[in-house]
Amino acid sequence: MALVADKPFGYALRENVRVVSALVVRSAVSRFGESRFGFLWVLIEPALYIGIYILAHTALKASMPFGDSAVLFILAGIFGFRMSRGVSRKAEVAISHNHPLLTYPLVRPIDTIVAAFLLEGTIWLIICALFIIGLGYTLDRTIIAYPDELAACLLAIFYFAFAMATFNATVGALIPRYLMVFNLMNMPLMFLSGVFFLPSSFPPEIQWYMSWNPFLHCVEWFRTATYLDYHPVLDKSYLLSLATVLLTIGLTLERFMRNRIINA
């Protein structure tokens, strides 16, 4: 984040908070200020995935992948993937969307990423809570089996989302069309992340290849918090280590290539 030169740390921190807060408000207004449909779509999108899955599941008369509720299974998968990829996707375009503001001395590229991440992360937390409460009311039972595990899962997901957003945003600012090419992988990544199937049902050699996909671990970690007896294909250390590497590279690029990013 941007710090004010030759000023006490407390003063610089307060200035940074003001900058990021202003950027959060600006992002919120630009996204939802003219129409409320943007927020409604965030609600509708998971419901559409669930509806399509249930219709296909019923038409094919397929067996339940796990548990006794297809809605719960697919909902856990959707939020495991969408909370990680959805947040990172919005935050990684923050630099380009706020590029004119980078001419102001107080605004730095990382500030725009942080602001977009805070807004999008808050939105997805609200959406997740609404769906979990709604499904719990509908099924008349507790949806989250391990609340502590869910808290750890959400922290890991947001850490990974911020790391990926920082990496993609800085690389995307330096390499034209990088983000466009990366976004072509969104749909394949979702299908390969176990959103619609049970990863542990595959042979070990297939699971090994699947485990290189970090979004798979986000999905599996979310389901681990949801079910009492779920056996995941999950490597928490891999997800957190990869996030740390991406964040380190992204922050390093932002710091040392800042002028090039601003002038791009």
C-alpha atoms as a PDB file:
ATOM      1  CA  MET A   1       0.000   0.000   0.000  1.00  0.00           C
ATOM      2  CA  ALA A   2       1.003   3.564  -0.472  1.00  0.00           C
ATOM      3  CA  LEU A   3       2.832   5.231   2.387  1.00  0.00           C
ATOM      4  CA  VAL A   4       3.417   8.958   2.721  1.00  0.00           C
ATOM      5  CA  ALA A   5       7.130   9.719   2.637  1.00  0.00           C
ATOM      6  CA  ASP A   6       8.803  11.367   5.638  1.00  0.00           C
ATOM      7  CA  LYS A   7       5.699  10.988   7.832  1.00  0.00           C
ATOM      8  CA  PRO A   8       5.172   8.951  11.027  1.00  0.00           C
ATOM      9  CA  PHE A   9       3.930   5.403  10.494  1.00  0.00           C
ATOM     10  CA  GLY A  10       0.581   6.129  12.182  1.00  0.00           C
ATOM     11  CA  TYR A  11      -0.083   9.069   9.881  1.00  0.00           C
ATOM     12  CA  ALA A  12       0.875   7.078   6.812  1.00  0.00           C
ATOM     13  CA  LEU A  13      -1.348   4.195   7.900  1.00  0.00           C
ATOM     14  CA  ARG A  14      -4.332   6.500   8.366  1.00  0.00           C
ATOM     15  CA  GLU A  15      -3.750   7.991   4.922  1.00  0.00           C
ATOM     16  CA  ASN A  16      -3.597   4.491   3.482  1.00  0.00           C
ATOM     17  CA  VAL A  17      -6.873   3.538   5.150  1.00  0.00           C
ATOM     18  CA  ARG A  18      -8.524   6.657   3.709  1.00  0.00           C
ATOM     19  CA  VAL A  19      -7.268   5.851   0.217  1.00  0.00           C
ATOM     20  CA  VAL A  20      -8.429   2.240   0.327  1.00  0.00           C
ATOM     21  CA  SER A  21     -11.785   3.213   1.858  1.00  0.00           C
ATOM     22  CA  ALA A  22     -12.375   5.755  -0.902  1.00  0.00           C
ATOM     23  CA  LEU A  23     -11.499   3.145  -3.518  1.00  0.00           C
ATOM     24  CA  VAL A  24     -13.895   0.629  -1.940  1.00  0.00           C
ATOM     25  CA  VAL A  25     -16.732   3.175  -2.082  1.00  0.00           C
ATOM     26  CA  ARG A  26     -15.839   4.077  -5.672  1.00  0.00           C
ATOM     27  CA  SER A  27     -15.837   0.390  -6.700  1.00  0.00           C
ATOM     28  CA  ALA A  28     -19.168  -0.216  -4.987  1.00  0.00           C
ATOM     29  CA  VAL A  29     -20.791   2.806  -6.623  1.00  0.00           C
ATOM     30  CA  SER A  30     -19.456   1.933 -10.079  1.00  0.00           C
ATOM     31  CA  ARG A  31     -20.712  -1.638  -9.743  1.00  0.00           C
ATOM     32  CA  PHE A  32     -24.075  -1.186  -8.032  1.00  0.00           C
ATOM     33  CA  GLY A  33     -24.760   2.541  -8.177  1.00  0.00           C
ATOM     34  CA  GLU A  34     -26.728   2.586 -11.417  1.00  0.00           C
ATOM     35  CA  SER A  35     -28.501  -0.759 -11.065  1.00  0.00           C
ATOM     36  CA  ARG A  36     -29.266  -3.259  -8.345  1.00  0.00           C
ATOM     37  CA  PHE A  37     -29.196  -6.113 -10.840  1.00  0.00           C
ATOM     38  CA  GLY A  38     -25.454  -6.560 -10.282  1.00  0.00           C
ATOM     39  CA  PHE A  39     -25.987  -7.642  -6.670  1.00  0.00           C
ATOM     40  CA  LEU A  40     -29.023  -9.726  -7.633  1.00  0.00           C
ATOM     41  CA  TRP A  41     -26.954 -11.556 -10.234  1.00  0.00           C
ATOM     42  CA  VAL A  42     -24.452 -12.594  -7.570  1.00  0.00           C
ATOM     43  CA  LEU A  43     -27.419 -14.189  -5.789  1.00  0.00           C
ATOM     44  CA  ILE A  44     -28.926 -15.676  -8.942  1.00  0.00           C
ATOM     45  CA  GLU A  45     -25.717 -17.210 -10.329  1.00  0.00           C
ATOM     46  CA  PRO A  46     -25.228 -19.910  -7.637  1.00  0.00           C
ATOM     47  CA  ALA A  47     -28.963 -20.676  -7.786  1.00  0.00           C
ATOM     48  CA  LEU A  48     -28.718 -21.191 -11.551  1.00  0.00           C
ATOM     49  CA  TYR A  49     -25.820 -23.627 -11.179  1.00  0.00           C
ATOM     50  CA  ILE A  50     -27.764 -25.555  -8.560  1.00  0.00           C
ATOM     51  CA  GLY A  51     -30.925 -25.598 -10.657  1.00  0.00           C
ATOM     52  CA  ILE A  52     -29.141 -26.821 -13.796  1.00  0.00           C
ATOM     53  CA  TYR A  53     -27.337 -29.510 -11.802  1.00  0.00           C
ATOM     54  CA  ILE A  54     -30.536 -30.732 -10.132  1.00  0.00           C
ATOM     55  CA  LEU A  55     -32.381 -30.850 -13.469  1.00  0.00           C
ATOM     56  CA  ALA A  56     -29.550 -32.831 -15.102  1.00  0.00           C
ATOM     57  CA  HIS A  57     -29.245 -35.059 -12.054  1.00  0.00           C
ATOM     58  CA  THR A  58     -32.976 -35.831 -12.131  1.00  0.00           C
ATOM     59  CA  ALA A  59     -33.135 -36.341 -15.910  1.00  0.00           C
ATOM     60  CA  LEU A  60     -30.222 -38.762 -15.880  1.00  0.00           C
ATOM     61  CA  LYS A  61     -31.488 -40.465 -12.707  1.00  0.00           C
ATOM     62  CA  ALA A  62     -27.929 -40.342 -11.423  1.00  0.00           C
ATOM     63  CA  SER A  63     -26.938 -41.497  -7.970  1.00  0.00           C
ATOM     64  CA  MET A  64     -26.080 -38.966  -5.275  1.00  0.00           C
ATOM     65  CA  PRO A  65     -22.337 -38.112  -5.387  1.00  0.00           C
ATOM     66  CA  PHE A  66     -22.202 -37.827  -1.590  1.00  0.00           C
ATOM     67  CA  GLY A  67     -24.639 -37.357   1.260  1.00  0.00           C
ATOM     68  CA  ASP A  68     -28.412 -37.149   0.983  1.00  0.00           C
ATOM     69  CA  SER A  69     -28.789 -33.699  -0.573  1.00  0.00           C
ATOM     70  CA  ALA A  70     -27.681 -32.839  -4.086  1.00  0.00           C
ATOM     71  CA  VAL A  71     -28.309 -29.162  -3.323  1.00  0.00           C
ATOM     72  CA  LEU A  72     -25.922 -29.196  -0.355  1.00  0.00           C
ATOM     73  CA  PHE A  73     -23.246 -31.053  -2.333  1.00  0.00           C
ATOM     74  CA  ILE A  74     -23.312 -28.675  -5.270  1.00  0.00           C
ATOM     75  CA  LEU A  75     -23.691 -25.586  -3.059  1.00  0.00           C
ATOM     76  CA  ALA A  76     -20.523 -26.447  -1.116  1.00  0.00           C
ATOM     77  CA  GLY A  77     -18.688 -26.952  -4.404  1.00  0.00           C
ATOM     78  CA  ILE A  78     -19.920 -23.718  -5.928  1.00  0.00           C
ATOM     79  CA  PHE A  79     -18.931 -21.620  -2.941  1.00  0.00           C
ATOM     80  CA  GLY A  80     -15.567 -23.346  -2.625  1.00  0.00           C
ATOM     81  CA  PHE A  81     -14.792 -22.384  -6.211  1.00  0.00           C
ATOM     82  CA  ARG A  82     -16.670 -19.117  -6.689  1.00  0.00           C
ATOM     83  CA  MET A  83     -15.498 -17.513  -3.457  1.00  0.00           C
ATOM     84  CA  SER A  84     -11.895 -18.071  -4.511  1.00  0.00           C
ATOM     85  CA  ARG A  85     -12.055 -17.479  -8.246  1.00  0.00           C
ATOM     86  CA  GLY A  86     -14.866 -14.923  -8.123  1.00  0.00           C
ATOM     87  CA  VAL A  87     -13.069 -12.689  -5.630  1.00  0.00           C
ATOM     88  CA  SER A  88      -9.705 -12.986  -7.366  1.00  0.00           C
ATOM     89  CA  ARG A  89     -11.226 -12.322 -10.790  1.00  0.00           C
ATOM     90  CA  LYS A  90     -12.779  -9.028  -9.694  1.00  0.00           C
ATOM     91  CA  ALA A  91      -9.679  -7.896  -7.801  1.00  0.00           C
ATOM     92  CA  GLU A  92      -7.226  -8.748 -10.563  1.00  0.00           C
ATOM     93  CA  VAL A  93      -8.741  -6.158 -12.927  1.00  0.00           C
ATOM     94  CA  ALA A  94      -8.606  -3.418 -10.274  1.00  0.00           C
ATOM     95  CA  ILE A  95      -5.427  -1.847 -11.654  1.00  0.00           C
ATOM     96  CA  SER A  96      -6.799  -1.464 -15.169  1.00  0.00           C
ATOM     97  CA  HIS A  97     -10.207  -0.248 -13.949  1.00  0.00           C
ATOM     98  CA  ASN A  98      -8.633   2.392 -11.701  1.00  0.00           C
ATOM     99  CA  HIS A  99      -5.671   3.269 -13.892  1.00  0.00           C
ATOM    100  CA  PRO A 100      -6.472   7.025 -14.158  1.00  0.00           C
ATOM    101  CA  LEU A 101      -6.330   7.269 -10.344  1.00  0.00           C
ATOM    102  CA  LEU A 102      -2.743   5.993 -10.297  1.00  0.00           C
ATOM    103  CA  THR A 103      -1.592   9.454 -11.372  1.00  0.00           C
ATOM    104  CA  TYR A 104      -2.381  10.667  -7.847  1.00  0.00           C
ATOM    105  CA  PRO A 105       0.654  10.349  -5.536  1.00  0.00           C
ATOM    106  CA  LEU A 106      -1.285   8.674  -2.706  1.00  0.00           C
ATOM    107  CA  VAL A 107      -2.786   5.917  -4.860  1.00  0.00           C
ATOM    108  CA  ARG A 108      -0.658   2.886  -5.682  1.00  0.00           C
ATOM    109  CA  PRO A 109      -1.544  -0.224  -7.704  1.00  0.00           C
ATOM    110  CA  ILE A 110      -1.716  -2.453  -4.628  1.00  0.00           C
ATOM    111  CA  ASP A 111      -4.285  -0.103  -3.059  1.00  0.00           C
ATOM    112  CA  THR A 112      -6.711  -0.739  -5.912  1.00  0.00           C
ATOM    113  CA  ILE A 113      -6.282  -4.503  -5.534  1.00  0.00           C
ATOM    114  CA  VAL A 114      -6.879  -4.370  -1.777  1.00  0.00           C
ATOM    115  CA  ALA A 115     -10.007  -2.237  -2.209  1.00  0.00           C
ATOM    116  CA  ALA A 116     -11.513  -4.529  -4.848  1.00  0.00           C
ATOM    117  CA  PHE A 117     -10.660  -7.577  -2.742  1.00  0.00           C
ATOM    118  CA  LEU A 118     -12.341  -6.137   0.376  1.00  0.00           C
ATOM    119  CA  LEU A 119     -15.517  -5.258  -1.536  1.00  0.00           C
ATOM    120  CA  GLU A 120     -15.790  -8.569  -3.366  1.00  0.00           C
ATOM    121  CA  GLY A 121     -14.856 -10.634  -0.324  1.00  0.00           C
ATOM    122  CA  THR A 122     -17.557  -8.925   1.741  1.00  0.00           C
ATOM    123  CA  ILE A 123     -20.148  -9.523  -0.969  1.00  0.00           C
ATOM    124  CA  TRP A 124     -19.361 -13.236  -1.196  1.00  0.00           C
ATOM    125  CA  LEU A 125     -19.389 -13.644   2.585  1.00  0.00           C
ATOM    126  CA  ILE A 126     -22.897 -12.168   2.658  1.00  0.00           C
ATOM    127  CA  ILE A 127     -24.065 -14.372  -0.223  1.00  0.00           C
ATOM    128  CA  CYS A 128     -22.565 -17.477   1.371  1.00  0.00           C
ATOM    129  CA  ALA A 129     -24.231 -16.736   4.713  1.00  0.00           C
ATOM    130  CA  LEU A 130     -27.616 -16.181   3.038  1.00  0.00           C
ATOM    131  CA  PHE A 131     -27.459 -19.489   1.161  1.00  0.00           C
ATOM    132  CA  ILE A 132     -26.268 -21.472   4.188  1.00  0.00           C
ATOM    133  CA  ILE A 133     -28.993 -20.010   6.418  1.00  0.00           C
ATOM    134  CA  GLY A 134     -31.625 -20.515   3.716  1.00  0.00           C
ATOM    135  CA  LEU A 135     -30.641 -24.113   3.037  1.00  0.00           C
ATOM    136  CA  GLY A 136     -30.469 -24.868   6.759  1.00  0.00           C
ATOM    137  CA  TYR A 137     -34.001 -23.521   7.164  1.00  0.00           C
ATOM    138  CA  THR A 138     -35.230 -25.518   4.153  1.00  0.00           C
ATOM    139  CA  LEU A 139     -33.642 -28.817   5.240  1.00  0.00           C
ATOM    140  CA  ASP A 140     -34.328 -28.085   8.922  1.00  0.00           C
ATOM    141  CA  ARG A 141     -30.838 -29.111  10.032  1.00  0.00           C
ATOM    142  CA  THR A 142     -27.367 -27.758  10.676  1.00  0.00           C
ATOM    143  CA  ILE A 143     -25.506 -27.229   7.407  1.00  0.00           C
ATOM    144  CA  ILE A 144     -21.996 -26.638   8.736  1.00  0.00           C
ATOM    145  CA  ALA A 145     -20.701 -29.664  10.651  1.00  0.00           C
ATOM    146  CA  TYR A 146     -17.428 -28.038  11.705  1.00  0.00           C
ATOM    147  CA  PRO A 147     -17.694 -24.241  12.202  1.00  0.00           C
ATOM    148  CA  ASP A 148     -14.015 -23.938  13.183  1.00  0.00           C
ATOM    149  CA  GLU A 149     -13.002 -25.736  10.009  1.00  0.00           C
ATOM    150  CA  LEU A 150     -15.230 -23.448   7.970  1.00  0.00           C
ATOM    151  CA  ALA A 151     -13.567 -20.381   9.511  1.00  0.00           C
ATOM    152  CA  ALA A 152     -10.121 -21.766   8.646  1.00  0.00           C
ATOM    153  CA  CYS A 153     -11.363 -22.651   5.155  1.00  0.00           C
ATOM    154  CA  LEU A 154     -12.676 -19.133   4.507  1.00  0.00           C
ATOM    155  CA  LEU A 155      -9.430 -17.566   5.701  1.00  0.00           C
ATOM    156  CA  ALA A 156      -7.450 -19.867   3.394  1.00  0.00           C
ATOM    157  CA  ILE A 157      -9.768 -19.207   0.444  1.00  0.00           C
ATOM    158  CA  PHE A 158      -9.537 -15.430   0.841  1.00  0.00           C
ATOM    159  CA  TYR A 159      -5.773 -15.600   1.341  1.00  0.00           C
ATOM    160  CA  PHE A 160      -5.439 -17.598  -1.874  1.00  0.00           C
ATOM    161  CA  ALA A 161      -7.867 -15.279  -3.706  1.00  0.00           C
ATOM    162  CA  PHE A 162      -5.910 -12.188  -2.674  1.00  0.00           C
ATOM    163  CA  ALA A 163      -2.598 -13.797  -3.595  1.00  0.00           C
ATOM    164  CA  MET A 164      -3.862 -14.856  -7.026  1.00  0.00           C
ATOM    165  CA  ALA A 165      -5.425 -11.433  -7.610  1.00  0.00           C
ATOM    166  CA  THR A 166      -2.174  -9.660  -6.717  1.00  0.00           C
ATOM    167  CA  PHE A 167      -0.147 -11.927  -8.979  1.00  0.00           C
ATOM    168  CA  ASN A 168      -2.563 -11.777 -11.922  1.00  0.00           C
ATOM    169  CA  ALA A 169      -3.129  -8.028 -11.598  1.00  0.00           C
ATOM    170  CA  THR A 170       0.572  -7.165 -11.658  1.00  0.00           C
ATOM    171  CA  VAL A 171       1.449  -9.656 -14.386  1.00  0.00           C
ATOM    172  CA  GLY A 172      -1.614  -8.564 -16.365  1.00  0.00           C
ATOM    173  CA  ALA A 173      -0.523  -4.932 -16.129  1.00  0.00           C
ATOM    174  CA  LEU A 174       2.893  -5.861 -17.522  1.00  0.00           C
ATOM    175  CA  ILE A 175       1.879  -8.430 -20.140  1.00  0.00           C
ATOM    176  CA  PRO A 176      -0.913  -7.443 -22.562  1.00  0.00           C
ATOM    177  CA  ARG A 177      -3.756  -9.966 -22.942  1.00  0.00           C
ATOM    178  CA  TYR A 178      -2.479 -12.125 -20.066  1.00  0.00           C
ATOM    179  CA  LEU A 179      -5.750 -11.775 -18.153  1.00  0.00           C
ATOM    180  CA  MET A 180      -7.815 -12.442 -21.259  1.00  0.00           C
ATOM    181  CA  VAL A 181      -5.989 -15.731 -21.849  1.00  0.00           C
ATOM    182  CA  PHE A 182      -6.146 -16.691 -18.168  1.00  0.00           C
ATOM    183  CA  ASN A 183      -9.896 -16.027 -18.006  1.00  0.00           C
ATOM    184  CA  LEU A 184     -10.442 -18.560 -20.798  1.00  0.00           C
ATOM    185  CA  MET A 185      -9.557 -21.173 -18.180  1.00  0.00           C
ATOM    186  CA  ASN A 186     -12.399 -20.230 -15.800  1.00  0.00           C
ATOM    187  CA  MET A 187     -14.939 -22.774 -16.998  1.00  0.00           C
ATOM    188  CA  PRO A 188     -12.474 -25.683 -17.355  1.00  0.00           C
ATOM    189  CA  LEU A 189     -11.087 -24.895 -13.904  1.00  0.00           C
ATOM    190  CA  MET A 190     -14.566 -25.009 -12.402  1.00  0.00           C
ATOM    191  CA  PHE A 191     -15.344 -28.411 -13.914  1.00  0.00           C
ATOM    192  CA  LEU A 192     -11.948 -29.781 -12.882  1.00  0.00           C
ATOM    193  CA  SER A 193     -12.315 -28.531  -9.303  1.00  0.00           C
ATOM    194  CA  GLY A 194     -14.813 -31.172  -8.205  1.00  0.00           C
ATOM    195  CA  VAL A 195     -17.789 -28.823  -8.096  1.00  0.00           C
ATOM    196  CA  PHE A 196     -20.065 -31.351  -9.829  1.00  0.00           C
ATOM    197  CA  PHE A 197     -18.442 -34.653  -8.863  1.00  0.00           C
ATOM    198  CA  LEU A 198     -16.699 -36.473  -6.021  1.00  0.00           C
ATOM    199  CA  PRO A 199     -12.909 -36.233  -6.526  1.00  0.00           C
ATOM    200  CA  SER A 200     -12.141 -39.152  -4.198  1.00  0.00           C
ATOM    201  CA  SER A 201     -14.142 -41.474  -6.473  1.00  0.00           C
ATOM    202  CA  PHE A 202     -11.347 -41.338  -9.063  1.00  0.00           C
ATOM    203  CA  PRO A 203      -8.312 -43.659  -9.070  1.00  0.00           C
ATOM    204  CA  PRO A 204      -5.267 -42.410  -7.096  1.00  0.00           C
ATOM    205  CA  GLU A 205      -3.263 -41.636 -10.223  1.00  0.00           C
ATOM    206  CA  ILE A 206      -6.077 -39.395 -11.529  1.00  0.00           C
ATOM    207  CA  GLN A 207      -6.402 -37.745  -8.129  1.00  0.00           C
ATOM    208  CA  TRP A 208      -2.693 -36.902  -8.238  1.00  0.00           C
ATOM    209  CA  TYR A 209      -3.096 -34.941 -11.467  1.00  0.00           C
ATOM    210  CA  MET A 210      -6.258 -33.274 -10.187  1.00  0.00           C
ATOM    211  CA  SER A 211      -4.519 -32.201  -6.985  1.00  0.00           C
ATOM    212  CA  TRP A 212      -2.332 -29.716  -8.890  1.00  0.00           C
ATOM    213  CA  ASN A 213      -5.430 -27.565  -9.368  1.00  0.00           C
ATOM    214  CA  PRO A 214      -5.516 -25.221  -6.313  1.00  0.00           C
ATOM    215  CA  PHE A 215      -9.234 -24.571  -6.703  1.00  0.00           C
ATOM    216  CA  LEU A 216      -9.884 -28.265  -6.084  1.00  0.00           C
ATOM    217  CA  HIS A 217      -8.474 -27.822  -2.576  1.00  0.00           C
ATOM    218  CA  CYS A 218     -10.733 -24.808  -1.971  1.00  0.00           C
ATOM    219  CA  VAL A 219     -13.766 -26.921  -2.888  1.00  0.00           C
ATOM    220  CA  GLU A 220     -12.640 -29.935  -0.878  1.00  0.00           C
ATOM    221  CA  TRP A 221     -11.815 -27.831   2.185  1.00  0.00           C
ATOM    222  CA  PHE A 222     -15.288 -26.258   2.084  1.00  0.00           C
ATOM    223  CA  ARG A 223     -16.930 -29.688   1.875  1.00  0.00           C
ATOM    224  CA  THR A 224     -14.772 -30.934   4.743  1.00  0.00           C
ATOM    225  CA  ALA A 225     -16.380 -28.271   6.929  1.00  0.00           C
ATOM    226  CA  THR A 226     -19.836 -29.202   5.653  1.00  0.00           C
ATOM    227  CA  TYR A 227     -19.941 -32.999   6.096  1.00  0.00           C
ATOM    228  CA  LEU A 228     -19.210 -35.134   9.142  1.00  0.00           C
ATOM    229  CA  ASP A 229     -17.596 -38.027   7.278  1.00  0.00           C
ATOM    230  CA  TYR A 230     -16.275 -36.510   4.058  1.00  0.00           C
ATOM    231  CA  HIS A 231     -13.001 -37.949   2.705  1.00  0.00           C
ATOM    232  CA  PRO A 232     -11.415 -35.166   0.651  1.00  0.00           C
ATOM    233  CA  VAL A 233      -8.614 -34.943  -1.866  1.00  0.00           C
ATOM    234  CA  LEU A 234      -7.143 -32.085   0.112  1.00  0.00           C
ATOM    235  CA  ASP A 235      -3.652 -30.723   0.697  1.00  0.00           C
ATOM    236  CA  LYS A 236      -3.909 -27.612   2.850  1.00  0.00           C
ATOM    237  CA  SER A 237      -0.151 -27.039   2.823  1.00  0.00           C
ATOM    238  CA  TYR A 238      -0.067 -26.990  -0.986  1.00  0.00           C
ATOM    239  CA  LEU A 239      -2.856 -24.404  -1.211  1.00  0.00           C
ATOM    240  CA  LEU A 240      -1.301 -22.114   1.399  1.00  0.00           C
ATOM    241  CA  SER A 241       2.227 -22.524   0.022  1.00  0.00           C
ATOM    242  CA  LEU A 242       1.130 -21.734  -3.516  1.00  0.00           C
ATOM    243  CA  ALA A 243      -0.754 -18.683  -2.246  1.00  0.00           C
ATOM    244  CA  THR A 244       2.361 -17.466  -0.429  1.00  0.00           C
ATOM    245  CA  VAL A 245       4.519 -17.887  -3.536  1.00  0.00           C
ATOM    246  CA  LEU A 246       1.996 -16.048  -5.744  1.00  0.00           C
ATOM    247  CA  LEU A 247       1.619 -13.239  -3.207  1.00  0.00           C
ATOM    248  CA  THR A 248       5.377 -12.826  -2.826  1.00  0.00           C
ATOM    249  CA  ILE A 249       5.896 -12.623  -6.582  1.00  0.00           C
ATOM    250  CA  GLY A 250       2.956 -10.270  -7.018  1.00  0.00           C
ATOM    251  CA  LEU A 251       4.042  -7.863  -4.268  1.00  0.00           C
ATOM    252  CA  THR A 252       7.638  -7.911  -5.526  1.00  0.00           C
ATOM    253  CA  LEU A 253       6.526  -7.076  -9.068  1.00  0.00           C
ATOM    254  CA  GLU A 254       4.219  -4.331  -7.800  1.00  0.00           C
ATOM    255  CA  ARG A 255       7.002  -2.736  -5.781  1.00  0.00           C
ATOM    256  CA  PHE A 256       9.855  -2.881  -8.288  1.00  0.00           C
ATOM    257  CA  MET A 257       7.800  -2.471 -11.489  1.00  0.00           C
ATOM    258  CA  ARG A 258       5.437   0.152 -10.060  1.00  0.00           C
ATOM    259  CA  ASN A 259       6.393   2.953 -12.448  1.00  0.00           C
ATOM    260  CA  ARG A 260       6.044   0.686 -15.465  1.00  0.00           C
ATOM    261  CA  ILE A 261       2.635  -0.499 -14.242  1.00  0.00           C
ATOM    262  CA  ILE A 262       1.451   3.085 -13.688  1.00  0.00           C
ATOM    263  CA  ASN A 263       2.727   4.214 -17.091  1.00  0.00           C
ATOM    264  CA  ALA A 264       1.481   1.173 -18.990  1.00  0.00           C
END
